[in-house]
Each structure stands twice: as structure tokens, then as C-alpha cells.
């Protein structure tokens, strides 16, 4: 019984002795393999170009994310995480990277992205540069770290700075375009309201007319007021309900009516009900002069 239980231990001990014997016999081979790997690693490091890293940081500010509604579309509000993620991804978009390359003539420098065989397409240039750029949102902050790697430290820093500059320029252009589109949208809608098909429709037979709602115009003296100049307007700071700063919500009445009262509610329940403060107006029939 005892001898049968010792057999596995004897087998294990025999295996250990065999392994030690093999190591003794082949020590020179193991030694040479280690020396060869070390030499290969040293040669690789010596032949590999130096890679320098530059870093810059941007802070994302959250502006008003209100998008105009038009027929057949819904307004969409971006939350804070979506804004940060969108900004982070935009910093490495092909369009932005290509602008960095082309606007600053980096593609004319043969030492820029030397692994690429010239001539090279714009798409390949942008994809190759993207490999050397990383972006990361700092946790619980509005900061995004931008890291650029290059064989030249000065160029790595230059690309990092150019990336931010081009992004700001591109973002400003988008905002300007959106502003122009918004203005054109408001003008078209105001002209449509004032046209013969709606407010000046002959079928009204000069009946009293009331127009009210969210006009999506920040200024109280903008294109809507100019287009509806023949109407009286009552408005006030109604957006946002918590911190009212702009005159989005209005009541327009025709000249045969008059305002008796206009009120913007700023109660606790109003703050919860909507991001717009509720407005009320009392309108009376205007007396003939």
C-alpha cells in the first residue's frame, strides 16, 4: 500500500532531475539565445528613429444647444457627454487632419510621414497622421488631452498647435454657417407668416389676428419683428426658465386689438414644467379713435 502511493512522487522527482540535466547539457544554447536576442533588440533600438511626443490641452465650453425646428424634423439636444465625445472624435476626423496637412504644406516636407511612398492620396495622408495622434477626455472634466508623436520634437509640437487652430477655425465656420442658415430660416418663416396666405389672407376680412409661440429668435428687435412691423408685440426674457436671458416667446396682435396685460411666470412649478417660462397675455378689442 505504501509503495503504490510513492510511485507518483518518484515519477515527479525523475522528471525534475531530467529537466535539470537537460538544462546543464544545453546551457550554452540558452546563453547564446539570450545574447542573440539582446543584440537584436539593441540593433532594433539603434536603427529605430527617435519618437518625440508633444501634448496640448483644450477646454470645451458648452454653448446653447438649441436646434431650430422645421417641418418634418424634431429638435435634438446634445447632453454634456455627447458634446465631449463629439469634440474628441472631431479632433481626429479625416477632414480636420487633411486641413492641418494641406493648409500648412506638411505634405511638401519629405521628412513628414516618411513611411509613406510618394505620391500619396489625401486619404492615405490623413489616415497615416491619425495613427500618430490620440485624444482623451479627462475624467470628470471638460478637458481633452491631445497627444502628437513625430520624429522631430518641434514638428510634433507644431502639429499639436495646428490641430487646435484648425479645429477652432473649422468650428467657427460651422457656427457662422449655422447662424446664417438660422437667420435665413427665420426670415423665410416670418415672410411666410406675413404673406397673403396666412396673416394677410383676404378671407380673414380684416378680422382680429393673434400670433404667439416660440419664435426661436434671441433678439427682441430682429428679423421677425421687422417683418411683422404692422403687429404689436409683447415679449420678455422667457428662456431659459431657470435663468431667463433671451426673448424667444412672444405674442403678436393685429392693430385692431390691444394688450391689457402680459405676464411671465417664474414660479417653482414653472421651472419644472419646461425650459421656457410660461407667458400669458390679456387681449382686448381696440376702441376706434
Protein backbone atom coordinates (compact mmCIF):
# COMPACT_ATOMS: atom_id res chain seq x y z
CA UNK A 1 0.00 0.00 0.00
CA UNK A 2 2.77 2.43 0.91
CA UNK A 3 4.88 1.54 -2.12
CA UNK A 4 1.95 2.23 -4.51
CA UNK A 5 1.43 5.71 -3.05
CA UNK A 6 5.10 6.66 -3.55
CA UNK A 7 5.17 5.89 -7.27
CA UNK A 8 3.74 9.29 -8.40
CA UNK A 9 6.29 11.10 -6.22
CA UNK A 10 9.12 9.04 -7.67
CA UNK A 11 7.91 9.86 -11.23
CA UNK A 12 7.72 13.59 -10.44
CA UNK A 13 11.21 13.56 -8.97
CA UNK A 14 12.55 11.74 -12.02
CA UNK A 15 11.04 14.43 -14.32
CA UNK A 16 12.69 17.20 -12.31
CA UNK A 17 16.08 15.51 -12.49
CA UNK A 18 15.68 15.04 -16.24
CA UNK A 19 14.83 18.73 -16.73
CA UNK A 20 17.84 19.84 -14.67
CA UNK A 21 20.07 17.52 -16.65
CA UNK A 22 18.79 18.94 -19.93
CA UNK A 23 19.47 22.49 -18.74
CA UNK A 24 23.04 21.51 -17.82
CA UNK A 25 23.65 19.95 -21.21
CA UNK A 26 22.12 22.85 -23.19
CA UNK A 27 23.22 25.82 -21.07
CA UNK A 28 25.42 27.13 -23.83
CA UNK A 29 22.49 27.14 -26.28
CA UNK A 30 20.30 29.04 -23.83
CA UNK A 31 23.10 31.51 -23.18
CA UNK A 32 23.70 32.14 -26.89
CA UNK A 33 19.96 32.58 -27.50
CA UNK A 34 19.80 35.23 -24.77
CA UNK A 35 22.87 37.01 -26.18
CA UNK A 36 21.35 36.91 -29.69
CA UNK A 37 18.02 38.34 -28.51
CA UNK A 38 19.82 41.11 -26.64
CA UNK A 39 21.91 42.01 -29.70
CA UNK A 40 18.82 42.00 -31.94
CA UNK A 41 16.98 44.26 -29.51
CA UNK A 42 19.92 46.65 -29.30
CA UNK A 43 20.21 46.81 -33.10
CA UNK A 44 16.47 47.46 -33.42
CA UNK A 45 16.63 50.29 -30.90
CA UNK A 46 19.71 51.76 -32.54
CA UNK A 47 18.17 51.71 -36.02
CA UNK A 48 14.69 52.88 -34.94
CA UNK A 49 14.17 56.65 -35.27
CA UNK A 50 13.57 58.65 -32.11
CA UNK A 51 9.91 59.37 -31.50
CA UNK A 52 9.04 62.58 -29.67
CA UNK A 53 5.73 63.33 -28.06
CA UNK A 54 4.02 66.72 -27.73
CA UNK A 55 0.85 67.39 -25.80
CA UNK A 56 -1.68 70.19 -25.67
CA UNK A 57 -4.98 70.57 -23.84
CA UNK A 58 -8.28 72.17 -24.85
CA UNK A 59 -11.25 73.02 -22.70
CA UNK A 60 -14.70 72.51 -24.17
CA UNK A 61 -17.30 75.13 -23.35
CA UNK A 62 -20.96 74.22 -23.57
CA UNK A 63 -22.98 76.76 -25.50
CA UNK A 64 -26.67 76.77 -26.16
CA UNK A 65 -27.50 73.51 -27.91
CA UNK A 66 -30.89 74.58 -29.24
CA UNK A 67 -31.57 73.45 -32.79
CA UNK A 68 -34.26 75.03 -34.92
CA UNK A 69 -37.32 73.02 -35.67
CA UNK A 70 -38.56 72.82 -39.21
CA UNK A 71 -41.38 70.89 -40.78
CA UNK A 72 -40.78 67.16 -40.60
CA UNK A 73 -37.88 67.38 -38.15
CA UNK A 74 -37.53 67.34 -34.39
CA UNK A 75 -35.27 69.41 -32.19
CA UNK A 76 -32.37 67.48 -30.70
CA UNK A 77 -30.46 68.49 -27.60
CA UNK A 78 -26.95 67.18 -27.03
CA UNK A 79 -26.08 66.25 -23.47
CA UNK A 80 -22.70 67.06 -21.99
CA UNK A 81 -21.16 63.62 -22.57
CA UNK A 82 -22.22 63.67 -26.22
CA UNK A 83 -20.68 67.11 -26.70
CA UNK A 84 -17.34 65.98 -25.25
CA UNK A 85 -17.35 62.75 -27.25
CA UNK A 86 -18.25 64.57 -30.46
CA UNK A 87 -15.46 67.10 -29.89
CA UNK A 88 -12.96 64.33 -29.12
CA UNK A 89 -13.82 62.48 -32.33
CA UNK A 90 -13.84 65.67 -34.41
CA UNK A 91 -10.23 66.37 -33.39
CA UNK A 92 -9.08 63.27 -35.30
CA UNK A 93 -11.51 63.44 -38.22
CA UNK A 94 -10.06 62.97 -41.70
CA UNK A 95 -11.30 66.40 -42.80
CA UNK A 96 -9.56 68.19 -39.93
CA UNK A 97 -6.30 66.24 -40.28
CA UNK A 98 -6.20 66.90 -44.01
CA UNK A 99 -6.73 70.61 -43.34
CA UNK A 100 -3.78 70.56 -40.92
CA UNK A 101 -1.62 68.93 -43.60
CA UNK A 102 -2.70 70.96 -46.62
CA UNK A 103 -3.12 74.41 -45.10
CA UNK A 104 0.37 74.22 -43.62
CA UNK A 105 2.07 72.43 -46.56
CA UNK A 106 3.22 69.50 -44.45
CA UNK A 107 2.74 67.19 -47.43
CA UNK A 108 5.58 69.01 -49.20
CA UNK A 109 8.05 68.02 -46.47
CA UNK A 110 9.68 64.67 -47.43
CA UNK A 111 10.53 64.01 -43.77
CA UNK A 112 6.85 64.20 -42.80
CA UNK A 113 5.39 60.68 -42.52
CA UNK A 114 8.48 59.14 -44.20
CA UNK A 115 6.98 55.66 -44.22
CA UNK A 116 4.54 56.75 -46.94
CA UNK A 117 5.66 56.28 -50.51
CA UNK A 118 5.08 59.41 -52.58
CA UNK A 119 2.91 60.29 -54.43
CA UNK A 120 0.19 59.55 -51.90
CA UNK A 121 -3.54 60.20 -51.76
CA UNK A 122 -5.16 62.67 -49.37
CA UNK A 123 -6.99 59.82 -47.67
CA UNK A 124 -3.75 57.92 -47.02
CA UNK A 125 -2.12 61.08 -45.63
CA UNK A 126 -4.96 61.69 -43.18
CA UNK A 127 -5.05 58.04 -42.10
CA UNK A 128 -1.28 57.95 -41.58
CA UNK A 129 -1.32 61.12 -39.46
CA UNK A 130 -4.23 59.81 -37.39
CA UNK A 131 -2.03 56.92 -36.20
CA UNK A 132 0.31 59.46 -34.56
CA UNK A 133 -2.45 61.44 -32.81
CA UNK A 134 -4.51 60.45 -29.79
CA UNK A 135 -7.19 62.33 -27.87
CA UNK A 136 -8.51 61.58 -24.40
CA UNK A 137 -11.17 63.27 -22.29
CA UNK A 138 -10.02 63.76 -18.71
CA UNK A 139 -12.43 62.10 -16.36
CA UNK A 140 -14.96 64.41 -14.69
CA UNK A 141 -13.60 67.47 -16.51
CA UNK A 142 -14.22 69.47 -19.69
CA UNK A 143 -10.59 69.00 -20.74
CA UNK A 144 -9.36 66.98 -23.71
CA UNK A 145 -5.70 65.96 -23.94
CA UNK A 146 -4.24 65.91 -27.45
CA UNK A 147 -1.03 63.94 -27.96
CA UNK A 148 1.03 64.02 -31.17
CA UNK A 149 4.04 61.82 -31.94
CA UNK A 150 6.69 62.66 -34.53
CA UNK A 151 10.38 62.08 -35.25
CA UNK A 152 11.04 65.80 -34.77
CA UNK A 153 10.07 67.39 -31.42
CA UNK A 154 9.46 70.82 -32.96
CA UNK A 155 7.14 69.35 -35.59
CA UNK A 156 5.26 67.29 -33.02
CA UNK A 157 4.56 70.48 -31.06
CA UNK A 158 3.68 72.36 -34.25
CA UNK A 159 1.15 69.72 -35.33
CA UNK A 160 -0.47 69.73 -31.89
CA UNK A 161 -0.89 73.50 -32.04
CA UNK A 162 -2.07 73.44 -35.66
CA UNK A 163 -4.66 70.82 -34.80
CA UNK A 164 -6.22 73.12 -32.20
CA UNK A 165 -6.01 76.15 -34.51
CA UNK A 166 -7.66 74.34 -37.42
CA UNK A 167 -10.34 72.93 -35.14
CA UNK A 168 -11.21 76.39 -33.81
CA UNK A 169 -11.33 77.76 -37.37
CA UNK A 170 -13.48 74.88 -38.58
CA UNK A 171 -15.82 75.19 -35.58
CA UNK A 172 -16.18 78.94 -36.11
CA UNK A 173 -17.01 78.37 -39.79
CA UNK A 174 -19.68 75.86 -38.85
CA UNK A 175 -21.20 78.24 -36.30
CA UNK A 176 -21.17 81.07 -38.82
CA UNK A 177 -22.84 78.87 -41.40
CA UNK A 178 -25.43 77.73 -38.84
CA UNK A 179 -26.08 81.35 -37.87
CA UNK A 180 -26.61 82.33 -41.48
CA UNK A 181 -28.91 79.36 -42.01
CA UNK A 182 -30.86 80.26 -38.86
CA UNK A 183 -31.24 83.86 -39.97
CA UNK A 184 -32.41 82.76 -43.42
CA UNK A 185 -34.84 80.29 -41.83
CA UNK A 186 -36.32 82.97 -39.58
CA UNK A 187 -36.63 85.41 -42.47
CA UNK A 188 -38.43 82.86 -44.65
CA UNK A 189 -40.80 81.87 -41.84
CA UNK A 190 -41.55 85.49 -40.92
CA UNK A 191 -42.23 86.39 -44.55
CA UNK A 192 -44.46 83.34 -44.87
CA UNK A 193 -46.43 84.39 -41.79
CA UNK A 194 -46.84 87.93 -43.10
CA UNK A 195 -47.88 86.77 -46.57
CA UNK A 196 -51.34 86.76 -48.08
CA UNK A 197 -51.58 83.01 -47.45
CA UNK A 198 -51.59 83.40 -43.64
CA UNK A 199 -51.84 86.66 -41.69
CA UNK A 200 -52.84 88.86 -44.60
CA UNK A 201 -55.17 86.28 -46.13
CA UNK A 202 -58.14 88.16 -47.69
CA UNK A 203 -60.53 85.54 -46.30
CA UNK A 204 -59.97 86.99 -42.81
CA UNK A 205 -61.87 90.12 -43.88
CA UNK A 206 -59.73 92.25 -41.53
CA UNK A 207 -60.65 90.06 -38.56
CA UNK A 208 -58.53 90.34 -35.39
CA UNK A 209 -55.43 88.16 -35.59
CA UNK A 210 -53.24 86.76 -32.80
CA UNK A 211 -49.92 85.03 -33.35
CA UNK A 212 -48.00 83.52 -30.43
CA UNK A 213 -45.36 80.94 -29.61
CA UNK A 214 -41.62 80.25 -29.57
CA UNK A 215 -40.08 82.24 -32.45
CA UNK A 216 -36.51 80.96 -31.96
CA UNK A 217 -35.08 84.49 -32.19
CA UNK A 218 -32.87 85.79 -29.39
CA UNK A 219 -33.10 89.47 -30.23
CA UNK A 220 -36.33 91.30 -29.46
CA UNK A 221 -35.68 93.60 -32.42
CA UNK A 222 -34.68 91.07 -35.05
CA UNK A 223 -35.97 89.95 -38.43
CA UNK A 224 -39.29 88.64 -37.08
CA UNK A 225 -40.23 91.99 -35.52
CA UNK A 226 -39.18 93.84 -38.66
CA UNK A 227 -41.26 91.57 -40.89
CA UNK A 228 -44.31 91.79 -38.60
CA UNK A 229 -43.95 95.54 -38.10
CA UNK A 230 -47.70 96.11 -38.53
CA UNK A 231 -48.38 93.91 -35.48
CA UNK A 232 -47.98 94.81 -31.82
CA UNK A 233 -45.62 92.56 -29.86
CA UNK A 234 -45.46 91.59 -26.19
CA UNK A 235 -42.43 89.63 -25.07
CA UNK A 236 -39.92 89.26 -22.26
CA UNK A 237 -36.97 87.15 -21.14
CA UNK A 238 -38.55 83.71 -21.09
CA UNK A 239 -35.71 81.32 -21.90
CA UNK A 240 -34.33 79.57 -20.04
CA UNK A 241 -36.94 79.37 -17.32
CA UNK A 242 -34.27 78.92 -14.64
CA UNK A 243 -32.05 81.74 -15.92
CA UNK A 244 -34.02 83.81 -18.48
CA UNK A 245 -31.79 85.73 -20.88
CA UNK A 246 -33.45 85.80 -24.32
CA UNK A 247 -36.81 86.75 -25.84
CA UNK A 248 -37.90 83.57 -27.60
CA UNK A 249 -41.58 83.51 -26.64
CA UNK A 250 -43.85 86.28 -27.96
CA UNK A 251 -47.41 87.34 -28.62
CA UNK A 252 -48.23 89.37 -31.73
CA UNK A 253 -51.66 91.01 -32.23
CA UNK A 254 -53.15 92.96 -35.11
CA UNK A 255 -53.73 96.69 -34.86
CA UNK A 256 -57.46 96.27 -34.05
CA UNK A 257 -56.51 94.64 -30.72
CA UNK A 258 -54.63 95.90 -27.67
CA UNK A 259 -52.78 94.36 -24.75
CA UNK A 260 -54.41 94.73 -21.36
CA UNK A 261 -51.86 92.59 -19.53
CA UNK A 262 -48.78 90.49 -20.20
CA UNK A 263 -47.09 88.27 -17.62
CA UNK A 264 -44.18 85.82 -17.44
CA UNK A 265 -44.48 83.20 -14.70
CA UNK A 266 -41.37 82.40 -12.67
CA UNK A 267 -42.83 80.09 -10.03
CA UNK A 268 -41.21 76.86 -8.82
CA UNK A 269 -43.69 74.71 -10.75
CA UNK A 270 -42.99 76.73 -13.92
CA UNK A 271 -39.28 75.95 -13.62
CA UNK A 272 -40.06 72.23 -13.52
CA UNK A 273 -42.68 72.23 -16.28
CA UNK A 274 -40.47 73.43 -19.15
CA UNK A 275 -37.20 75.09 -20.09
CA UNK A 276 -39.37 78.01 -21.25
CA UNK A 277 -41.11 80.22 -18.70
CA UNK A 278 -44.90 80.28 -19.31
CA UNK A 279 -46.35 83.55 -20.62
CA UNK A 280 -49.92 84.87 -20.55
CA UNK A 281 -51.50 87.85 -22.27
CA UNK A 282 -54.87 89.54 -21.89
CA UNK A 283 -56.02 90.99 -25.21
CA UNK A 284 -58.93 93.37 -25.71
CA UNK A 285 -60.68 94.76 -28.71
CA UNK A 286 -59.19 98.14 -29.51
CA UNK A 287 -61.63 101.05 -29.41
CA UNK A 288 -61.93 103.17 -32.52
CA UNK A 289 -60.21 106.57 -32.23
